[in-house]
N, C-alpha and C. Protein backbone atom coordinates (compact mmCIF):
# COMPACT_ATOMS: atom_id res chain seq x y z
N MET A 1 0.90 -1.07 0.15
CA MET A 1 0.02 -0.02 -0.19
C MET A 1 0.89 1.23 0.06
N ARG A 2 0.72 2.14 -0.88
CA ARG A 2 1.45 3.36 -1.17
C ARG A 2 1.07 4.29 -0.04
N PRO A 3 1.83 5.13 0.47
CA PRO A 3 1.36 6.20 1.46
C PRO A 3 0.41 7.06 0.96
N SER A 4 0.39 7.40 -0.44
CA SER A 4 -0.56 8.37 -0.90
C SER A 4 -1.82 7.68 -1.04
N SER A 5 -2.00 6.43 -0.96
CA SER A 5 -3.47 5.73 -1.00
C SER A 5 -4.03 5.59 0.45
N VAL A 6 -3.35 5.84 1.36
CA VAL A 6 -3.97 5.88 2.74
C VAL A 6 -5.02 7.16 2.85
N SER A 7 -6.16 6.85 3.33
CA SER A 7 -7.05 8.10 3.48
C SER A 7 -6.80 8.84 4.74
N PRO A 8 -6.92 10.06 4.59
CA PRO A 8 -6.69 11.10 5.73
C PRO A 8 -7.41 10.61 7.01
N ALA A 9 -8.63 10.04 6.89
CA ALA A 9 -9.46 9.75 8.15
C ALA A 9 -8.59 8.49 8.81
N ILE A 10 -8.24 7.47 8.05
CA ILE A 10 -7.40 6.42 8.75
C ILE A 10 -6.16 6.88 9.33
N SER A 11 -5.39 7.86 8.60
CA SER A 11 -4.10 8.22 9.15
C SER A 11 -4.22 8.98 10.40
N THR A 12 -5.31 9.79 10.41
CA THR A 12 -5.64 10.62 11.70
C THR A 12 -6.05 9.79 12.87
N SER A 13 -6.81 8.67 12.56
CA SER A 13 -7.25 7.77 13.50
C SER A 13 -6.01 6.99 14.15
N LEU A 14 -5.13 6.60 13.13
CA LEU A 14 -3.96 5.89 13.70
C LEU A 14 -3.13 6.75 14.45
N PHE A 15 -2.90 7.98 14.12
CA PHE A 15 -1.83 8.88 14.81
C PHE A 15 -2.59 9.49 16.10
N SER A 16 -3.84 9.38 16.22
CA SER A 16 -4.49 9.85 17.59
C SER A 16 -4.40 8.78 18.38
N ARG A 17 -4.43 7.46 18.02
CA ARG A 17 -4.16 6.15 18.98
C ARG A 17 -2.75 6.15 19.47
N VAL A 18 -1.88 6.56 18.52
CA VAL A 18 -0.46 6.38 18.91
C VAL A 18 -0.24 7.59 19.86
N ASP A 19 -0.66 8.69 19.62
CA ASP A 19 -0.56 9.70 20.66
C ASP A 19 -1.24 9.51 22.08
N SER A 20 -2.34 8.94 22.05
CA SER A 20 -3.00 8.65 23.23
C SER A 20 -2.14 7.41 24.10
N ALA A 21 -1.58 6.50 23.24
CA ALA A 21 -0.91 5.55 24.04
C ALA A 21 0.46 6.22 24.42
N GLY A 22 1.15 7.06 23.67
CA GLY A 22 2.34 7.57 24.11
C GLY A 22 2.09 8.60 25.41
N ALA A 23 1.02 8.99 25.60
CA ALA A 23 0.60 9.96 26.74
C ALA A 23 0.77 9.23 28.04
N TRP A 24 0.51 7.78 27.90
CA TRP A 24 0.68 7.14 29.29
C TRP A 24 1.97 6.10 29.27
N ILE A 25 2.50 5.78 28.27
CA ILE A 25 3.28 4.74 27.97
C ILE A 25 4.81 5.32 28.62
N ALA A 26 5.08 6.67 28.35
CA ALA A 26 6.32 7.32 28.59
C ALA A 26 6.35 7.56 30.24
N PRO A 27 5.27 8.08 30.72
CA PRO A 27 5.39 8.26 32.36
C PRO A 27 5.40 7.07 32.99
N ALA A 28 4.76 5.91 32.40
CA ALA A 28 4.62 4.59 33.04
C ALA A 28 6.22 3.80 33.00
N ALA A 29 6.83 4.23 31.92
CA ALA A 29 8.04 3.50 31.73
C ALA A 29 8.97 4.22 32.66
N LEU A 30 8.82 5.58 32.86
CA LEU A 30 9.81 6.30 33.69
C LEU A 30 9.51 5.85 35.18
N ARG A 31 8.17 5.78 35.55
CA ARG A 31 7.92 5.16 36.84
C ARG A 31 8.54 4.02 37.19
N ALA A 32 8.30 3.05 36.24
CA ALA A 32 8.89 1.65 36.44
C ALA A 32 10.42 1.66 36.51
N LEU A 33 11.07 2.53 35.73
CA LEU A 33 12.69 2.58 35.89
C LEU A 33 12.98 3.05 37.24
N LEU A 34 12.30 4.15 37.68
CA LEU A 34 12.67 4.75 38.92
C LEU A 34 12.27 3.91 40.00
N ALA A 35 11.15 3.17 40.00
CA ALA A 35 10.59 2.13 41.02
C ALA A 35 11.78 1.01 41.21
N TRP A 36 12.25 0.54 40.09
CA TRP A 36 13.17 -0.50 40.13
C TRP A 36 14.35 -0.07 40.82
N GLU A 37 14.96 1.12 40.53
CA GLU A 37 16.10 1.44 41.33
C GLU A 37 15.82 1.83 42.82
N PHE A 38 14.80 2.31 43.22
CA PHE A 38 14.65 2.69 44.72
C PHE A 38 14.26 1.33 45.33
N VAL A 39 13.42 0.44 44.64
CA VAL A 39 13.16 -0.81 45.36
C VAL A 39 14.48 -1.61 45.60
N GLU A 40 15.29 -1.68 44.48
CA GLU A 40 16.66 -2.52 44.49
C GLU A 40 17.46 -1.97 45.69
N SER A 41 17.62 -0.53 45.72
CA SER A 41 18.28 0.03 46.90
C SER A 41 17.66 -0.36 48.23
N GLY A 42 16.50 -0.30 48.46
CA GLY A 42 15.76 -0.65 49.68
C GLY A 42 15.90 -2.18 50.03
N LEU A 43 16.02 -2.86 48.91
CA LEU A 43 16.08 -4.40 49.32
C LEU A 43 17.62 -4.53 49.78
N GLU A 44 18.47 -3.80 49.09
CA GLU A 44 19.98 -3.87 49.72
C GLU A 44 20.01 -3.53 51.19
N LYS A 45 19.35 -2.48 51.40
CA LYS A 45 19.38 -2.05 52.87
C LYS A 45 18.76 -2.98 53.63
N PHE A 46 17.60 -3.52 53.30
CA PHE A 46 16.74 -4.56 54.04
C PHE A 46 17.55 -5.85 54.33
N ASN A 47 18.34 -6.29 53.40
CA ASN A 47 19.16 -7.53 53.46
C ASN A 47 20.45 -7.30 54.00
N GLY A 48 20.96 -5.92 54.07
CA GLY A 48 22.41 -5.76 54.40
C GLY A 48 22.48 -5.30 55.95
N GLU A 49 23.61 -4.90 56.06
CA GLU A 49 23.82 -4.35 57.58
C GLU A 49 23.87 -2.76 57.41
N ASN A 50 23.58 -2.20 58.67
CA ASN A 50 23.42 -0.69 58.70
C ASN A 50 24.89 -0.09 58.74
N TRP A 51 25.15 0.61 57.66
CA TRP A 51 26.53 1.34 57.54
C TRP A 51 26.29 2.85 57.71
N PHE A 52 25.13 3.37 58.19
CA PHE A 52 24.91 4.57 58.38
C PHE A 52 25.67 5.23 59.54
N ALA A 53 25.94 4.33 60.59
CA ALA A 53 26.75 4.74 61.63
C ALA A 53 28.20 5.33 61.25
N GLU A 54 28.68 4.71 60.28
CA GLU A 54 29.89 5.23 59.73
C GLU A 54 29.90 6.57 59.00
N LEU A 55 28.86 7.07 58.85
CA LEU A 55 28.74 8.38 58.25
C LEU A 55 28.97 9.48 59.27
N GLY A 56 28.78 9.03 60.50
CA GLY A 56 28.86 10.06 61.61
C GLY A 56 27.80 11.20 61.48
N ASP A 57 28.39 12.31 61.31
CA ASP A 57 27.53 13.55 61.44
C ASP A 57 27.43 14.19 60.02
N LYS A 58 27.43 13.42 59.00
CA LYS A 58 27.40 14.06 57.64
C LYS A 58 25.97 14.12 57.10
N PHE A 59 24.89 13.66 57.76
CA PHE A 59 23.56 13.86 57.36
C PHE A 59 23.29 15.40 57.76
N PRO A 60 22.61 16.18 56.79
CA PRO A 60 22.27 17.67 57.10
C PRO A 60 21.17 17.73 58.09
N TRP A 61 20.89 18.93 58.68
CA TRP A 61 19.98 18.96 59.60
C TRP A 61 18.56 18.95 58.93
N PRO A 62 17.53 18.48 59.34
CA PRO A 62 17.13 17.95 60.70
C PRO A 62 17.32 16.34 60.64
N PHE A 63 17.98 15.71 59.50
CA PHE A 63 18.13 14.46 59.46
C PHE A 63 19.30 13.94 60.29
N SER A 64 20.32 14.82 60.71
CA SER A 64 21.25 14.52 61.64
C SER A 64 20.73 14.33 63.14
N LEU A 65 19.42 14.70 63.32
CA LEU A 65 18.90 14.58 64.62
C LEU A 65 18.34 13.14 64.87
N LEU A 66 18.20 12.35 63.86
CA LEU A 66 17.88 10.99 64.04
C LEU A 66 19.13 10.08 64.29
N GLY A 67 18.99 9.09 64.94
CA GLY A 67 20.13 8.19 65.02
C GLY A 67 20.43 7.46 63.68
N ALA A 68 21.39 6.65 63.78
CA ALA A 68 21.83 5.77 62.55
C ALA A 68 20.72 4.82 62.41
N ASP A 69 20.17 4.05 63.29
CA ASP A 69 19.18 3.11 63.23
C ASP A 69 17.94 3.85 62.58
N ALA A 70 17.42 4.73 63.19
CA ALA A 70 16.20 5.45 62.71
C ALA A 70 16.35 5.86 61.27
N SER A 71 17.51 6.40 60.94
CA SER A 71 17.72 6.85 59.38
C SER A 71 17.72 5.68 58.67
N TRP A 72 18.41 4.51 59.06
CA TRP A 72 18.56 3.34 58.13
C TRP A 72 16.93 2.67 58.02
N PHE A 73 16.37 2.72 59.07
CA PHE A 73 14.84 2.21 59.12
C PHE A 73 13.99 3.10 58.08
N ALA A 74 14.20 4.25 58.17
CA ALA A 74 13.39 5.25 57.23
C ALA A 74 13.62 5.16 55.85
N ALA A 75 14.99 5.25 55.72
CA ALA A 75 15.54 5.15 54.33
C ALA A 75 15.20 3.84 53.65
N THR A 76 15.19 2.76 54.31
CA THR A 76 14.96 1.35 53.78
C THR A 76 13.49 1.46 53.36
N TRP A 77 12.61 1.73 54.36
CA TRP A 77 11.10 1.61 53.99
C TRP A 77 10.54 2.74 53.19
N LEU A 78 11.27 3.79 53.26
CA LEU A 78 10.88 4.88 52.26
C LEU A 78 11.17 4.39 50.73
N GLU A 79 12.32 3.69 50.51
CA GLU A 79 12.82 3.30 49.33
C GLU A 79 11.66 2.11 48.86
N LEU A 80 11.57 1.19 49.69
CA LEU A 80 10.70 0.06 49.27
C LEU A 80 9.25 0.43 49.18
N ILE A 81 8.76 1.15 50.10
CA ILE A 81 7.16 1.70 49.80
C ILE A 81 7.16 2.55 48.66
N GLY A 82 7.93 3.74 48.76
CA GLY A 82 7.83 4.73 47.68
C GLY A 82 8.04 4.30 46.31
N GLY A 83 9.00 3.23 46.23
CA GLY A 83 9.39 2.62 44.92
C GLY A 83 8.07 1.80 44.29
N LEU A 84 7.54 1.08 45.48
CA LEU A 84 6.30 0.46 44.94
C LEU A 84 5.01 1.24 44.60
N ALA A 85 4.93 2.59 45.42
CA ALA A 85 3.81 3.47 45.16
C ALA A 85 4.01 4.08 43.74
N LEU A 86 5.45 4.35 43.44
CA LEU A 86 5.68 5.00 41.88
C LEU A 86 5.34 3.80 40.97
N LEU A 87 5.48 2.62 41.28
CA LEU A 87 5.42 1.46 40.24
C LEU A 87 3.98 1.43 40.00
N ILE A 88 3.03 1.30 41.06
CA ILE A 88 1.64 1.21 40.71
C ILE A 88 0.92 2.53 40.52
N GLY A 89 1.65 3.59 40.55
CA GLY A 89 0.78 4.88 40.45
C GLY A 89 0.10 5.34 41.60
N LEU A 90 0.51 5.00 42.84
CA LEU A 90 -0.33 5.46 43.98
C LEU A 90 0.32 6.60 44.62
N GLY A 91 -0.37 7.80 44.70
CA GLY A 91 0.24 8.96 45.31
C GLY A 91 1.73 9.32 44.73
N THR A 92 1.83 9.29 43.43
CA THR A 92 3.11 9.35 42.79
C THR A 92 3.80 10.63 43.12
N ARG A 93 3.00 11.84 43.18
CA ARG A 93 3.67 13.13 43.40
C ARG A 93 4.23 13.22 44.88
N TYR A 94 3.53 12.48 45.93
CA TYR A 94 4.09 12.40 47.22
C TYR A 94 5.32 11.46 47.40
N ALA A 95 5.11 10.40 46.59
CA ALA A 95 6.08 9.38 46.65
C ALA A 95 7.42 10.03 46.02
N ALA A 96 7.20 10.66 44.95
CA ALA A 96 8.40 11.22 44.24
C ALA A 96 9.06 12.21 44.96
N PHE A 97 8.20 13.11 45.50
CA PHE A 97 8.79 14.16 46.61
C PHE A 97 9.67 13.56 47.54
N ALA A 98 9.06 12.54 48.36
CA ALA A 98 9.80 11.98 49.46
C ALA A 98 11.11 11.16 48.93
N LEU A 99 10.93 10.71 47.79
CA LEU A 99 12.28 9.90 47.27
C LEU A 99 13.23 10.89 46.80
N TRP A 100 12.79 12.09 46.38
CA TRP A 100 13.67 13.15 45.90
C TRP A 100 14.47 13.76 47.07
N VAL A 101 13.73 13.89 48.32
CA VAL A 101 14.26 14.32 49.64
C VAL A 101 15.34 13.52 49.92
N LEU A 102 15.07 12.14 49.86
CA LEU A 102 16.08 11.09 50.23
C LEU A 102 17.19 11.14 49.38
N THR A 103 17.00 11.30 48.16
CA THR A 103 18.16 11.32 47.23
C THR A 103 19.05 12.35 47.41
N VAL A 104 18.49 13.70 47.55
CA VAL A 104 19.21 14.94 48.04
C VAL A 104 20.20 14.61 49.36
N VAL A 105 19.44 13.95 50.23
CA VAL A 105 20.26 13.71 51.62
C VAL A 105 21.41 12.74 51.26
N ALA A 106 21.15 11.76 50.46
CA ALA A 106 22.18 10.62 50.11
C ALA A 106 23.15 11.26 49.29
N ILE A 107 22.88 12.15 48.40
CA ILE A 107 23.96 12.92 47.68
C ILE A 107 24.97 13.72 48.65
N HIS A 108 24.22 14.42 49.45
CA HIS A 108 24.85 15.26 50.47
C HIS A 108 25.76 14.58 51.34
N ALA A 109 25.33 13.37 51.96
CA ALA A 109 25.84 12.62 53.11
C ALA A 109 26.85 11.59 52.50
N VAL A 110 26.43 10.98 51.33
CA VAL A 110 27.31 9.84 51.03
C VAL A 110 28.15 10.06 49.79
N HIS A 111 27.42 10.46 48.71
CA HIS A 111 27.92 10.54 47.48
C HIS A 111 28.68 11.84 47.09
N TRP A 112 28.21 12.90 47.63
CA TRP A 112 29.08 14.24 47.24
C TRP A 112 30.45 14.23 47.79
N PRO A 113 30.57 13.79 48.92
CA PRO A 113 32.03 13.93 49.49
C PRO A 113 33.12 13.21 48.44
N ASP A 114 32.63 12.13 47.79
CA ASP A 114 33.59 11.36 46.96
C ASP A 114 33.71 12.03 45.68
């Protein structure tokens, strides 16, 4: 079938379906990628040992007020629950904001000094 023989109505219908699919596929793929990263990190913390005590006082205020165990618990469960919330699309703005704060704190306390 030559492109010139496709009617404009069929072409418009096809492109509108592709546009509507793209409107939800891209955000869903991004949420799945971010969920995978955060859940993987949360599972590593859940199955690993607490190394937050080694960081000492590198956490910024007010997170420095929490102890190493409380910070470890909060980071682990925020990554697990927030990642799953992103994956299923439940409270994505709240989960994304909380995970963003967690990421900024991690950059400041762990990754930035290196």
